[in-house]
Amino acid sequence: DQVVQGIGGGMSITGHDAEHPARAGIPIGDLGGGMFAVM
């Protein structure tokens, strides 16, 4: 999950400043893959 969140760019805009990147609290890397698989 966090690997693809990081590579995918989303972590670079998550959090309050560029010095402390944060992943989404919900594992959207994994869950997003599951949802698109269903589609």
PDB file of all heavy atoms in Angstrom:
ATOM      1  N   ASP A   1       0.800  -1.217   0.000  1.00  0.00           N
ATOM      2  CA  ASP A   1       0.000   0.000   0.000  1.00  0.00           C
ATOM      3  C   ASP A   1       0.837   1.273   0.000  1.00  0.00           C
ATOM      4  O   ASP A   1       0.705   2.127  -0.890  1.00  0.00           O
ATOM      5  CB  ASP A   1      -0.932  -0.012   1.211  1.00  0.00           C
ATOM      6  CG  ASP A   1      -1.730   1.265   1.345  1.00  0.00           C
ATOM      7  OD1 ASP A   1      -2.707   1.421   0.602  1.00  0.00           O
ATOM      8  OD2 ASP A   1      -1.360   2.126   2.169  1.00  0.00           O
ATOM      9  N   GLN A   2       1.703   1.442   0.987  1.00  0.00           N
ATOM     10  CA  GLN A   2       2.426   2.705   1.092  1.00  0.00           C
ATOM     11  C   GLN A   2       3.423   2.892  -0.042  1.00  0.00           C
ATOM     12  O   GLN A   2       3.728   4.027  -0.425  1.00  0.00           O
ATOM     13  CB  GLN A   2       3.133   2.807   2.441  1.00  0.00           C
ATOM     14  CG  GLN A   2       3.689   4.202   2.703  1.00  0.00           C
ATOM     15  CD  GLN A   2       4.051   4.429   4.153  1.00  0.00           C
ATOM     16  OE1 GLN A   2       3.559   3.752   5.027  1.00  0.00           O
ATOM     17  NE2 GLN A   2       4.908   5.393   4.414  1.00  0.00           N
ATOM     18  N   VAL A   3       3.923   1.795  -0.602  1.00  0.00           N
ATOM     19  CA  VAL A   3       4.840   1.893  -1.734  1.00  0.00           C
ATOM     20  C   VAL A   3       4.158   2.578  -2.910  1.00  0.00           C
ATOM     21  O   VAL A   3       4.691   3.526  -3.506  1.00  0.00           O
ATOM     22  CB  VAL A   3       5.354   0.500  -2.134  1.00  0.00           C
ATOM     23  CG1 VAL A   3       6.150   0.562  -3.437  1.00  0.00           C
ATOM     24  CG2 VAL A   3       6.211  -0.088  -1.019  1.00  0.00           C
ATOM     25  N   VAL A   4       2.953   2.128  -3.255  1.00  0.00           N
ATOM     26  CA  VAL A   4       2.287   2.736  -4.407  1.00  0.00           C
ATOM     27  C   VAL A   4       1.719   4.110  -4.068  1.00  0.00           C
ATOM     28  O   VAL A   4       1.621   4.978  -4.941  1.00  0.00           O
ATOM     29  CB  VAL A   4       1.192   1.813  -4.989  1.00  0.00           C
ATOM     30  CG1 VAL A   4       1.800   0.536  -5.525  1.00  0.00           C
ATOM     31  CG2 VAL A   4       0.104   1.514  -3.991  1.00  0.00           C
ATOM     32  N   GLN A   5       1.358   4.340  -2.799  1.00  0.00           N
ATOM     33  CA  GLN A   5       0.950   5.694  -2.420  1.00  0.00           C
ATOM     34  C   GLN A   5       2.108   6.665  -2.644  1.00  0.00           C
ATOM     35  O   GLN A   5       1.911   7.794  -3.106  1.00  0.00           O
ATOM     36  CB  GLN A   5       0.500   5.743  -0.963  1.00  0.00           C
ATOM     37  CG  GLN A   5      -0.889   5.176  -0.697  1.00  0.00           C
ATOM     38  CD  GLN A   5      -1.458   5.650   0.629  1.00  0.00           C
ATOM     39  OE1 GLN A   5      -1.336   6.816   0.990  1.00  0.00           O
ATOM     40  NE2 GLN A   5      -2.098   4.748   1.354  1.00  0.00           N
ATOM     41  N   GLY A   6       3.324   6.223  -2.304  1.00  0.00           N
ATOM     42  CA  GLY A   6       4.479   7.095  -2.484  1.00  0.00           C
ATOM     43  C   GLY A   6       4.823   7.316  -3.940  1.00  0.00           C
ATOM     44  O   GLY A   6       4.992   8.458  -4.390  1.00  0.00           O
ATOM     45  N   ILE A   7       4.903   6.242  -4.723  1.00  0.00           N
ATOM     46  CA  ILE A   7       5.269   6.367  -6.136  1.00  0.00           C
ATOM     47  C   ILE A   7       4.184   7.109  -6.907  1.00  0.00           C
ATOM     48  O   ILE A   7       4.470   7.857  -7.845  1.00  0.00           O
ATOM     49  CB  ILE A   7       5.521   4.977  -6.750  1.00  0.00           C
ATOM     50  CG1 ILE A   7       6.723   4.320  -6.073  1.00  0.00           C
ATOM     51  CG2 ILE A   7       5.778   5.080  -8.255  1.00  0.00           C
ATOM     52  CD1 ILE A   7       6.993   2.909  -6.540  1.00  0.00           C
ATOM     53  N   GLY A   8       2.929   6.922  -6.486  1.00  0.00           N
ATOM     54  CA  GLY A   8       1.811   7.506  -7.216  1.00  0.00           C
ATOM     55  C   GLY A   8       1.622   9.001  -7.035  1.00  0.00           C
ATOM     56  O   GLY A   8       0.751   9.595  -7.683  1.00  0.00           O
ATOM     57  N   GLY A   9       2.424   9.635  -6.178  1.00  0.00           N
ATOM     58  CA  GLY A   9       2.354  11.088  -6.053  1.00  0.00           C
ATOM     59  C   GLY A   9       1.452  11.602  -4.957  1.00  0.00           C
ATOM     60  O   GLY A   9       1.603  12.745  -4.514  1.00  0.00           O
ATOM     61  N   GLY A  10       0.496  10.797  -4.522  1.00  0.00           N
ATOM     62  CA  GLY A  10      -0.477  11.290  -3.551  1.00  0.00           C
ATOM     63  C   GLY A  10       0.137  11.674  -2.215  1.00  0.00           C
ATOM     64  O   GLY A  10      -0.308  12.631  -1.573  1.00  0.00           O
ATOM     65  N   MET A  11       1.174  10.947  -1.804  1.00  0.00           N
ATOM     66  CA  MET A  11       1.791  11.264  -0.509  1.00  0.00           C
ATOM     67  C   MET A  11       2.459  12.626  -0.512  1.00  0.00           C
ATOM     68  O   MET A  11       2.595  13.267   0.538  1.00  0.00           O
ATOM     69  CB  MET A  11       2.804  10.190  -0.109  1.00  0.00           C
ATOM     70  CG  MET A  11       2.187   8.969   0.547  1.00  0.00           C
ATOM     71  SD  MET A  11       3.428   7.768   1.124  1.00  0.00           S
ATOM     72  CE  MET A  11       4.286   8.737   2.383  1.00  0.00           C
ATOM     73  N   SER A  12       2.873  13.107  -1.681  1.00  0.00           N
ATOM     74  CA  SER A  12       3.571  14.393  -1.749  1.00  0.00           C
ATOM     75  C   SER A  12       2.657  15.571  -1.451  1.00  0.00           C
ATOM     76  O   SER A  12       3.136  16.679  -1.184  1.00  0.00           O
ATOM     77  CB  SER A  12       4.213  14.582  -3.128  1.00  0.00           C
ATOM     78  OG  SER A  12       3.228  14.878  -4.113  1.00  0.00           O
ATOM     79  N   ILE A  13       1.342  15.349  -1.499  1.00  0.00           N
ATOM     80  CA  ILE A  13       0.408  16.434  -1.190  1.00  0.00           C
ATOM     81  C   ILE A  13      -0.426  16.128   0.044  1.00  0.00           C
ATOM     82  O   ILE A  13      -1.393  16.825   0.343  1.00  0.00           O
ATOM     83  CB  ILE A  13      -0.525  16.744  -2.386  1.00  0.00           C
ATOM     84  CG1 ILE A  13      -1.322  15.497  -2.800  1.00  0.00           C
ATOM     85  CG2 ILE A  13       0.273  17.278  -3.564  1.00  0.00           C
ATOM     86  CD1 ILE A  13      -2.416  15.783  -3.807  1.00  0.00           C
ATOM     87  N   THR A  14      -0.050  15.078   0.772  1.00  0.00           N
ATOM     88  CA  THR A  14      -0.777  14.699   1.980  1.00  0.00           C
ATOM     89  C   THR A  14       0.039  15.108   3.198  1.00  0.00           C
ATOM     90  O   THR A  14       1.240  14.847   3.265  1.00  0.00           O
ATOM     91  CB  THR A  14      -1.039  13.187   2.008  1.00  0.00           C
ATOM     92  OG1 THR A  14      -1.731  12.816   0.817  1.00  0.00           O
ATOM     93  CG2 THR A  14      -1.892  12.803   3.198  1.00  0.00           C
ATOM     94  N   GLY A  15      -0.603  15.736   4.159  1.00  0.00           N
ATOM     95  CA  GLY A  15       0.088  16.247   5.320  1.00  0.00           C
ATOM     96  C   GLY A  15       0.093  17.763   5.308  1.00  0.00           C
ATOM     97  O   GLY A  15      -0.559  18.400   4.467  1.00  0.00           O
ATOM     98  N   HIS A  16       0.833  18.369   6.231  1.00  0.00           N
ATOM     99  CA  HIS A  16       0.796  19.818   6.387  1.00  0.00           C
ATOM    100  C   HIS A  16       2.016  20.532   5.839  1.00  0.00           C
ATOM    101  O   HIS A  16       1.996  21.754   5.697  1.00  0.00           O
ATOM    102  CB  HIS A  16       0.603  20.171   7.868  1.00  0.00           C
ATOM    103  CG  HIS A  16      -0.766  19.844   8.365  1.00  0.00           C
ATOM    104  ND1 HIS A  16      -1.844  20.693   8.222  1.00  0.00           N
ATOM    105  CD2 HIS A  16      -1.253  18.738   8.991  1.00  0.00           C
ATOM    106  CE1 HIS A  16      -2.925  20.139   8.737  1.00  0.00           C
ATOM    107  NE2 HIS A  16      -2.598  18.949   9.211  1.00  0.00           N
ATOM    108  N   ASP A  17       3.082  19.803   5.522  1.00  0.00           N
ATOM    109  CA  ASP A  17       4.241  20.454   4.916  1.00  0.00           C
ATOM    110  C   ASP A  17       5.066  19.415   4.175  1.00  0.00           C
ATOM    111  O   ASP A  17       4.932  18.213   4.394  1.00  0.00           O
ATOM    112  CB  ASP A  17       5.089  21.167   5.969  1.00  0.00           C
ATOM    113  CG  ASP A  17       5.658  20.210   7.013  1.00  0.00           C
ATOM    114  OD1 ASP A  17       6.579  19.443   6.675  1.00  0.00           O
ATOM    115  OD2 ASP A  17       5.163  20.223   8.157  1.00  0.00           O
ATOM    116  N   ALA A  18       5.935  19.915   3.291  1.00  0.00           N
ATOM    117  CA  ALA A  18       6.714  19.029   2.427  1.00  0.00           C
ATOM    118  C   ALA A  18       7.760  18.232   3.184  1.00  0.00           C
ATOM    119  O   ALA A  18       8.294  17.248   2.657  1.00  0.00           O
ATOM    120  CB  ALA A  18       7.382  19.858   1.328  1.00  0.00           C
ATOM    121  N   GLU A  19       8.067  18.613   4.408  1.00  0.00           N
ATOM    122  CA  GLU A  19       9.076  17.914   5.190  1.00  0.00           C
ATOM    123  C   GLU A  19       8.528  16.679   5.887  1.00  0.00           C
ATOM    124  O   GLU A  19       9.300  15.883   6.436  1.00  0.00           O
ATOM    125  CB  GLU A  19       9.679  18.864   6.231  1.00  0.00           C
ATOM    126  CG  GLU A  19      10.391  20.072   5.633  1.00  0.00           C
ATOM    127  CD  GLU A  19      11.498  19.673   4.682  1.00  0.00           C
ATOM    128  OE1 GLU A  19      12.295  18.791   5.055  1.00  0.00           O
ATOM    129  OE2 GLU A  19      11.545  20.221   3.567  1.00  0.00           O
ATOM    130  N   HIS A  20       7.227  16.542   5.928  1.00  0.00           N
ATOM    131  CA  HIS A  20       6.621  15.415   6.640  1.00  0.00           C
ATOM    132  C   HIS A  20       5.528  14.771   5.777  1.00  0.00           C
ATOM    133  O   HIS A  20       4.349  14.895   6.071  1.00  0.00           O
ATOM    134  CB  HIS A  20       6.032  15.873   7.973  1.00  0.00           C
ATOM    135  CG  HIS A  20       7.035  16.493   8.889  1.00  0.00           C
ATOM    136  ND1 HIS A  20       7.318  17.841   8.867  1.00  0.00           N
ATOM    137  CD2 HIS A  20       7.843  15.938   9.828  1.00  0.00           C
ATOM    138  CE1 HIS A  20       8.254  18.108   9.780  1.00  0.00           C
ATOM    139  NE2 HIS A  20       8.584  16.967  10.373  1.00  0.00           N
ATOM    140  N   PRO A  21       5.901  14.108   4.673  1.00  0.00           N
ATOM    141  CA  PRO A  21       4.883  13.454   3.842  1.00  0.00           C
ATOM    142  C   PRO A  21       4.132  12.399   4.641  1.00  0.00           C
ATOM    143  O   PRO A  21       4.696  11.751   5.515  1.00  0.00           O
ATOM    144  CB  PRO A  21       5.691  12.819   2.707  1.00  0.00           C
ATOM    145  CG  PRO A  21       7.077  12.657   3.271  1.00  0.00           C
ATOM    146  CD  PRO A  21       7.267  13.816   4.204  1.00  0.00           C
ATOM    147  N   ALA A  22       2.863  12.261   4.346  1.00  0.00           N
ATOM    148  CA  ALA A  22       2.026  11.317   5.092  1.00  0.00           C
ATOM    149  C   ALA A  22       1.207  10.478   4.128  1.00  0.00           C
ATOM    150  O   ALA A  22       0.679  10.989   3.136  1.00  0.00           O
ATOM    151  CB  ALA A  22       1.093  12.072   6.046  1.00  0.00           C
ATOM    152  N   ARG A  23       1.103   9.199   4.436  1.00  0.00           N
ATOM    153  CA  ARG A  23       0.198   8.363   3.645  1.00  0.00           C
ATOM    154  C   ARG A  23      -1.231   8.608   4.099  1.00  0.00           C
ATOM    155  O   ARG A  23      -1.480   9.089   5.212  1.00  0.00           O
ATOM    156  CB  ARG A  23       0.546   6.883   3.807  1.00  0.00           C
ATOM    157  CG  ARG A  23       0.246   6.303   5.181  1.00  0.00           C
ATOM    158  CD  ARG A  23       0.475   4.795   5.186  1.00  0.00           C
ATOM    159  NE  ARG A  23       0.220   4.201   6.482  1.00  0.00           N
ATOM    160  CZ  ARG A  23      -0.986   3.792   6.889  1.00  0.00           C
ATOM    161  NH1 ARG A  23      -2.045   3.935   6.110  1.00  0.00           N
ATOM    162  NH2 ARG A  23      -1.137   3.255   8.088  1.00  0.00           N
ATOM    163  N   ALA A  24      -2.179   8.280   3.257  1.00  0.00           N
ATOM    164  CA  ALA A  24      -3.575   8.335   3.656  1.00  0.00           C
ATOM    165  C   ALA A  24      -3.810   7.335   4.774  1.00  0.00           C
ATOM    166  O   ALA A  24      -3.304   6.207   4.732  1.00  0.00           O
ATOM    167  CB  ALA A  24      -4.480   8.023   2.468  1.00  0.00           C
ATOM    168  N   GLY A  25      -4.567   7.719   5.794  1.00  0.00           N
ATOM    169  CA  GLY A  25      -4.826   6.815   6.913  1.00  0.00           C
ATOM    170  C   GLY A  25      -5.536   5.553   6.479  1.00  0.00           C
ATOM    171  O   GLY A  25      -5.267   4.458   6.993  1.00  0.00           O
ATOM    172  N   ILE A  26      -6.451   5.680   5.531  1.00  0.00           N
ATOM    173  CA  ILE A  26      -7.085   4.513   4.923  1.00  0.00           C
ATOM    174  C   ILE A  26      -6.144   3.986   3.838  1.00  0.00           C
ATOM    175  O   ILE A  26      -5.607   4.775   3.057  1.00  0.00           O
ATOM    176  CB  ILE A  26      -8.445   4.903   4.309  1.00  0.00           C
ATOM    177  CG1 ILE A  26      -9.413   5.323   5.417  1.00  0.00           C
ATOM    178  CG2 ILE A  26      -9.035   3.761   3.493  1.00  0.00           C
ATOM    179  CD1 ILE A  26     -10.699   5.925   4.897  1.00  0.00           C
ATOM    180  N   PRO A  27      -5.904   2.681   3.754  1.00  0.00           N
ATOM    181  CA  PRO A  27      -4.946   2.152   2.782  1.00  0.00           C
ATOM    182  C   PRO A  27      -5.476   2.201   1.351  1.00  0.00           C
ATOM    183  O   PRO A  27      -5.865   1.191   0.762  1.00  0.00           O
ATOM    184  CB  PRO A  27      -4.728   0.704   3.249  1.00  0.00           C
ATOM    185  CG  PRO A  27      -5.980   0.348   3.977  1.00  0.00           C
ATOM    186  CD  PRO A  27      -6.435   1.613   4.641  1.00  0.00           C
ATOM    187  N   ILE A  28      -5.477   3.407   0.783  1.00  0.00           N
ATOM    188  CA  ILE A  28      -6.100   3.601  -0.536  1.00  0.00           C
ATOM    189  C   ILE A  28      -5.305   2.932  -1.647  1.00  0.00           C
ATOM    190  O   ILE A  28      -5.861   2.692  -2.729  1.00  0.00           O
ATOM    191  CB  ILE A  28      -6.307   5.091  -0.852  1.00  0.00           C
ATOM    192  CG1 ILE A  28      -4.956   5.843  -0.856  1.00  0.00           C
ATOM    193  CG2 ILE A  28      -7.285   5.719   0.130  1.00  0.00           C
ATOM    194  CD1 ILE A  28      -5.074   7.254  -1.383  1.00  0.00           C
ATOM    195  N   GLY A  29      -4.034   2.635  -1.419  1.00  0.00           N
ATOM    196  CA  GLY A  29      -3.282   1.911  -2.438  1.00  0.00           C
ATOM    197  C   GLY A  29      -3.847   0.520  -2.641  1.00  0.00           C
ATOM    198  O   GLY A  29      -4.112   0.086  -3.767  1.00  0.00           O
ATOM    199  N   ASP A  30      -4.061  -0.198  -1.551  1.00  0.00           N
ATOM    200  CA  ASP A  30      -4.653  -1.532  -1.613  1.00  0.00           C
ATOM    201  C   ASP A  30      -6.131  -1.480  -1.977  1.00  0.00           C
ATOM    202  O   ASP A  30      -6.591  -2.190  -2.884  1.00  0.00           O
ATOM    203  CB  ASP A  30      -4.501  -2.231  -0.261  1.00  0.00           C
ATOM    204  CG  ASP A  30      -3.121  -2.839  -0.078  1.00  0.00           C
ATOM    205  OD1 ASP A  30      -2.572  -3.366  -1.055  1.00  0.00           O
ATOM    206  OD2 ASP A  30      -2.592  -2.778   1.035  1.00  0.00           O
ATOM    207  N   LEU A  31      -6.892  -0.661  -1.258  1.00  0.00           N
ATOM    208  CA  LEU A  31      -8.340  -0.646  -1.463  1.00  0.00           C
ATOM    209  C   LEU A  31      -8.698  -0.107  -2.844  1.00  0.00           C
ATOM    210  O   LEU A  31      -9.654  -0.570  -3.468  1.00  0.00           O
ATOM    211  CB  LEU A  31      -9.020   0.178  -0.371  1.00  0.00           C
ATOM    212  CG  LEU A  31      -8.841  -0.346   1.057  1.00  0.00           C
ATOM    213  CD1 LEU A  31      -9.567   0.554   2.051  1.00  0.00           C
ATOM    214  CD2 LEU A  31      -9.334  -1.781   1.194  1.00  0.00           C
ATOM    215  N   GLY A  32      -7.922   0.868  -3.331  1.00  0.00           N
ATOM    216  CA  GLY A  32      -8.166   1.369  -4.683  1.00  0.00           C
ATOM    217  C   GLY A  32      -7.977   0.282  -5.722  1.00  0.00           C
ATOM    218  O   GLY A  32      -8.762   0.148  -6.660  1.00  0.00           O
ATOM    219  N   GLY A  33      -6.918  -0.541  -5.552  1.00  0.00           N
ATOM    220  CA  GLY A  33      -6.716  -1.655  -6.479  1.00  0.00           C
ATOM    221  C   GLY A  33      -7.877  -2.620  -6.457  1.00  0.00           C
ATOM    222  O   GLY A  33      -8.317  -3.116  -7.501  1.00  0.00           O
ATOM    223  N   GLY A  34      -8.402  -2.901  -5.254  1.00  0.00           N
ATOM    224  CA  GLY A  34      -9.546  -3.804  -5.148  1.00  0.00           C
ATOM    225  C   GLY A  34     -10.787  -3.254  -5.825  1.00  0.00           C
ATOM    226  O   GLY A  34     -11.506  -3.985  -6.516  1.00  0.00           O
ATOM    227  N   MET A  35     -11.045  -1.967  -5.629  1.00  0.00           N
ATOM    228  CA  MET A  35     -12.245  -1.369  -6.231  1.00  0.00           C
ATOM    229  C   MET A  35     -12.162  -1.354  -7.757  1.00  0.00           C
ATOM    230  O   MET A  35     -13.135  -1.681  -8.451  1.00  0.00           O
ATOM    231  CB  MET A  35     -12.451   0.042  -5.684  1.00  0.00           C
ATOM    232  CG  MET A  35     -12.937   0.068  -4.250  1.00  0.00           C
ATOM    233  SD  MET A  35     -13.400   1.718  -3.675  1.00  0.00           S
ATOM    234  CE  MET A  35     -11.786   2.436  -3.405  1.00  0.00           C
ATOM    235  N   PHE A  36     -10.994  -0.978  -8.299  1.00  0.00           N
ATOM    236  CA  PHE A  36     -10.860  -0.974  -9.749  1.00  0.00           C
ATOM    237  C   PHE A  36     -10.922  -2.388 -10.314  1.00  0.00           C
ATOM    238  O   PHE A  36     -11.391  -2.587 -11.443  1.00  0.00           O
ATOM    239  CB  PHE A  36      -9.566  -0.276 -10.162  1.00  0.00           C
ATOM    240  CG  PHE A  36      -9.664   1.221 -10.189  1.00  0.00           C
ATOM    241  CD1 PHE A  36      -9.208   1.978  -9.128  1.00  0.00           C
ATOM    242  CD2 PHE A  36     -10.230   1.873 -11.269  1.00  0.00           C
ATOM    243  CE1 PHE A  36      -9.301   3.365  -9.136  1.00  0.00           C
ATOM    244  CE2 PHE A  36     -10.324   3.258 -11.304  1.00  0.00           C
ATOM    245  CZ  PHE A  36      -9.862   4.010 -10.227  1.00  0.00           C
ATOM    246  N   ALA A  37     -10.460  -3.375  -9.530  1.00  0.00           N
ATOM    247  CA  ALA A  37     -10.576  -4.766  -9.978  1.00  0.00           C
ATOM    248  C   ALA A  37     -12.034  -5.159 -10.143  1.00  0.00           C
ATOM    249  O   ALA A  37     -12.413  -5.824 -11.125  1.00  0.00           O
ATOM    250  CB  ALA A  37      -9.888  -5.696  -8.984  1.00  0.00           C
ATOM    251  N   VAL A  38     -12.877  -4.756  -9.205  1.00  0.00           N
ATOM    252  CA  VAL A  38     -14.306  -5.056  -9.318  1.00  0.00           C
ATOM    253  C   VAL A  38     -14.886  -4.413 -10.576  1.00  0.00           C
ATOM    254  O   VAL A  38     -15.643  -5.047 -11.326  1.00  0.00           O
ATOM    255  CB  VAL A  38     -15.062  -4.571  -8.063  1.00  0.00           C
ATOM    256  CG1 VAL A  38     -16.564  -4.674  -8.263  1.00  0.00           C
ATOM    257  CG2 VAL A  38     -14.643  -5.392  -6.847  1.00  0.00           C
ATOM    258  N   MET A  39     -14.524  -3.165 -10.837  1.00  0.00           N
ATOM    259  CA  MET A  39     -15.021  -2.500 -12.056  1.00  0.00           C
ATOM    260  C   MET A  39     -14.567  -3.247 -13.300  1.00  0.00           C
ATOM    261  O   MET A  39     -15.343  -3.437 -14.250  1.00  0.00           O
ATOM    262  CB  MET A  39     -14.522  -1.057 -12.107  1.00  0.00           C
ATOM    263  CG  MET A  39     -15.033  -0.162 -11.010  1.00  0.00           C
ATOM    264  SD  MET A  39     -14.374   1.520 -11.193  1.00  0.00           S
ATOM    265  CE  MET A  39     -13.994   1.921  -9.481  1.00  0.00           C
TER     266      MET A  39
END
